Every structure is written in structure tokens, then in C-alpha cells.
């Protein structure tokens, strides 16, 4: 699950939520895996993946101005023992991994499709069963610089 914060005239619409594969908890080690912005499974450590159902997240980002935008991504931390980190934000053929990112071109009224990937890390104390950790995507429009 994701949460959005939109300020000014930016709209974020979820097209496809991120889906992590089912995996076996390791009774003695912290486990991790990554679903990339391309929907690929990478960097599986200390766990066994069950099945092949997983995908990246996709969003439509629109704006009715032409101001530059700033993007930030953070883990909400709402599932004990689970951390989302190493976010990937694919926008206008560029992949961003350090946040916040400032000075990005505005998506315009027709919008841009954004792909999101990330790493999930979970401890041996994580609850079993389906979990849906949340993350925030915050996109704000930068104030235009007015030259007198």
C-alpha cells in the first residue's frame, strides 16, 4: 500500500500497486529482496521465494502547471520487522535512487507514467501471512523564481 501527498497542482494516481513475491521467513537471519522498477526480482538474500508473482508499482503523475517538481520517497514503517528501502523512481527515462530529488521537469496535464521499485527487508520476527507495508511518495511543485 502507498500513501501520497500532493501539493499545489500535482496528482498521483496508482495504476498498479507493487507486489512482492511470497517468501519463506528465515528463523535466524534478516532476509531481503528487491523488485526493480522493471518488475525484475533481484538481490534475494536469506530467504526462499515461492512462486513468480511480483511486479513493480506504476503511477500516473499529472500537473496543470509547468513548475519544476520535487519527489521524495520514504518507508512508513507500519509493519513491525519490515523495512522498505533503496527506492527506485523511474521518471522520463531516468532512474532516481537518492531522495529527495529536486528540479525535475513537470509532467504536464497529460502526465507521465512512473515506475517504482524497492527493496523489502524483514526480520525473523516478522508476522507470517500476507503483509502490505506502506510507503509515501511526495511530489511537490517548486515555486518559480521571479526575477524583478
Protein backbone atom coordinates (compact mmCIF):
# COMPACT_ATOMS: atom_id res chain seq x y z
CA UNK A 1 0.00 0.00 0.00
CA UNK A 2 1.24 3.52 -0.66
CA UNK A 3 0.30 6.94 0.63
CA UNK A 4 0.53 10.10 -1.42
CA UNK A 5 0.96 13.72 -0.59
CA UNK A 6 0.14 16.15 -3.36
CA UNK A 7 0.68 19.88 -3.02
CA UNK A 8 -0.12 22.63 -5.48
CA UNK A 9 -1.47 21.12 -8.68
CA UNK A 10 0.14 17.65 -8.78
CA UNK A 11 -1.96 14.48 -8.89
CA UNK A 12 -0.62 10.95 -8.33
CA UNK A 13 -2.87 8.08 -9.46
CA UNK A 14 -1.93 4.49 -8.72
CA UNK A 15 -2.22 2.24 -11.78
CA UNK A 16 -0.62 -0.92 -10.36
CA UNK A 17 0.48 -1.48 -6.75
CA UNK A 18 3.87 -3.04 -6.10
CA UNK A 19 3.68 -6.74 -5.36
CA UNK A 20 6.43 -8.65 -3.60
CA UNK A 21 6.66 -12.43 -4.08
CA UNK A 22 5.73 -14.85 -1.32
CA UNK A 23 8.84 -15.84 0.59
CA UNK A 24 9.83 -18.09 3.48
CA UNK A 25 10.93 -16.40 6.70
CA UNK A 26 14.44 -17.28 7.81
CA UNK A 27 14.34 -18.27 11.51
CA UNK A 28 17.82 -16.90 12.21
CA UNK A 29 18.62 -14.08 9.78
CA UNK A 30 17.23 -10.89 8.34
CA UNK A 31 16.05 -11.50 4.79
CA UNK A 32 15.70 -9.16 1.84
CA UNK A 33 14.81 -8.99 -1.81
CA UNK A 34 14.21 -6.32 -4.41
CA UNK A 35 11.57 -5.80 -7.05
CA UNK A 36 13.12 -3.37 -9.55
CA UNK A 37 11.32 -0.62 -11.43
CA UNK A 38 11.39 -3.02 -14.40
CA UNK A 39 9.49 -5.64 -12.37
CA UNK A 40 12.52 -7.91 -12.02
CA UNK A 41 13.37 -9.86 -8.87
CA UNK A 42 16.92 -9.18 -7.66
CA UNK A 43 19.22 -9.50 -4.64
CA UNK A 44 17.36 -12.29 -2.83
CA UNK A 45 19.19 -12.93 0.46
CA UNK A 46 18.45 -15.33 3.34
CA UNK A 47 15.03 -16.37 2.06
CA UNK A 48 13.41 -18.72 -0.43
CA UNK A 49 10.98 -17.17 -2.90
CA UNK A 50 7.78 -19.11 -3.54
CA UNK A 51 6.21 -18.65 -6.94
CA UNK A 52 6.74 -15.95 -9.50
CA UNK A 53 4.00 -13.40 -8.82
CA UNK A 54 5.56 -9.96 -8.31
CA UNK A 55 5.68 -6.64 -10.14
CA UNK A 56 6.80 -3.01 -9.91
CA UNK A 57 4.38 -0.22 -9.00
CA UNK A 58 3.08 2.15 -11.66
CA UNK A 59 1.58 5.60 -11.22
CA UNK A 60 0.28 8.39 -13.44
CA UNK A 61 1.60 11.79 -12.34
CA UNK A 62 -0.08 14.91 -13.74
CA UNK A 63 0.06 18.66 -13.15
CA UNK A 64 -1.78 21.64 -14.53
CA UNK A 65 1.20 23.98 -14.24
CA UNK A 66 4.70 23.94 -15.70
CA UNK A 67 6.66 24.36 -12.44
CA UNK A 68 9.56 22.05 -11.70
CA UNK A 69 8.81 19.27 -9.21
CA UNK A 70 10.49 17.65 -6.22
CA UNK A 71 10.00 13.93 -5.46
CA UNK A 72 10.56 12.21 -2.13
CA UNK A 73 10.02 8.56 -1.18
CA UNK A 74 10.03 7.09 2.32
CA UNK A 75 9.01 3.93 4.14
CA UNK A 76 6.07 4.39 6.53
CA UNK A 77 7.27 1.63 8.87
CA UNK A 78 3.76 0.35 9.59
CA UNK A 79 4.60 -3.39 9.64
CA UNK A 80 6.80 -4.46 12.58
CA UNK A 81 10.04 -6.06 11.43
CA UNK A 82 9.66 -4.83 7.82
CA UNK A 83 11.61 -2.01 6.19
CA UNK A 84 11.17 -0.71 2.64
CA UNK A 85 14.33 0.94 1.34
CA UNK A 86 16.55 1.60 -1.66
CA UNK A 87 13.66 3.07 -3.64
CA UNK A 88 13.84 3.42 -7.43
CA UNK A 89 11.72 6.09 -9.12
CA UNK A 90 11.69 5.85 -12.93
CA UNK A 91 10.54 9.13 -14.49
CA UNK A 92 11.04 10.45 -18.03
CA UNK A 93 13.63 7.75 -18.90
CA UNK A 94 15.76 8.44 -15.80
CA UNK A 95 16.01 6.32 -12.66
CA UNK A 96 16.38 8.13 -9.34
CA UNK A 97 17.59 6.37 -6.19
CA UNK A 98 18.53 9.22 -3.80
CA UNK A 99 15.75 11.30 -2.31
CA UNK A 100 14.53 13.96 -2.32
CA UNK A 101 15.12 14.72 -6.00
CA UNK A 102 14.65 18.36 -6.99
CA UNK A 103 14.39 20.24 -10.26
CA UNK A 104 12.57 17.56 -12.27
CA UNK A 105 10.61 18.54 -15.36
CA UNK A 106 6.88 18.92 -14.82
CA UNK A 107 4.71 16.01 -16.07
CA UNK A 108 2.11 18.33 -17.62
CA UNK A 109 -1.64 17.84 -17.95
CA UNK A 110 -1.29 14.65 -20.00
CA UNK A 111 1.01 13.26 -17.34
CA UNK A 112 3.83 10.78 -17.18
CA UNK A 113 3.78 7.11 -16.22
CA UNK A 114 6.17 6.42 -13.34
CA UNK A 115 7.55 3.02 -12.36
CA UNK A 116 8.64 2.34 -8.78
CA UNK A 117 10.79 -0.44 -7.38
CA UNK A 118 12.26 -1.04 -3.93
CA UNK A 119 13.90 -3.45 -1.56
CA UNK A 120 11.97 -5.12 1.24
CA UNK A 121 13.89 -6.25 4.29
CA UNK A 122 12.28 -8.33 7.02
CA UNK A 123 13.49 -9.82 10.28
CA UNK A 124 12.91 -13.27 11.69
CA UNK A 125 10.26 -11.70 13.97
CA UNK A 126 8.04 -10.54 11.10
CA UNK A 127 4.48 -11.86 11.21
CA UNK A 128 3.65 -14.68 8.84
CA UNK A 129 0.95 -14.31 6.23
CA UNK A 130 0.31 -11.57 3.74
CA UNK A 131 1.82 -8.22 4.63
CA UNK A 132 1.39 -4.91 2.85
CA UNK A 133 3.95 -2.40 4.09
CA UNK A 134 3.26 1.21 3.13
CA UNK A 135 5.45 3.88 1.62
CA UNK A 136 4.98 7.55 0.86
CA UNK A 137 5.52 9.29 -2.46
CA UNK A 138 5.54 13.05 -2.00
CA UNK A 139 5.61 15.22 -5.12
CA UNK A 140 5.59 18.97 -4.72
CA UNK A 141 5.83 21.76 -7.23
CA UNK A 142 8.71 24.12 -6.74
CA UNK A 143 7.95 27.80 -6.56
CA UNK A 144 9.00 29.56 -9.76
CA UNK A 145 11.84 32.01 -9.40
CA UNK A 146 10.60 35.51 -10.10
CA UNK A 147 13.22 37.86 -11.46
CA UNK A 148 12.35 41.54 -10.90
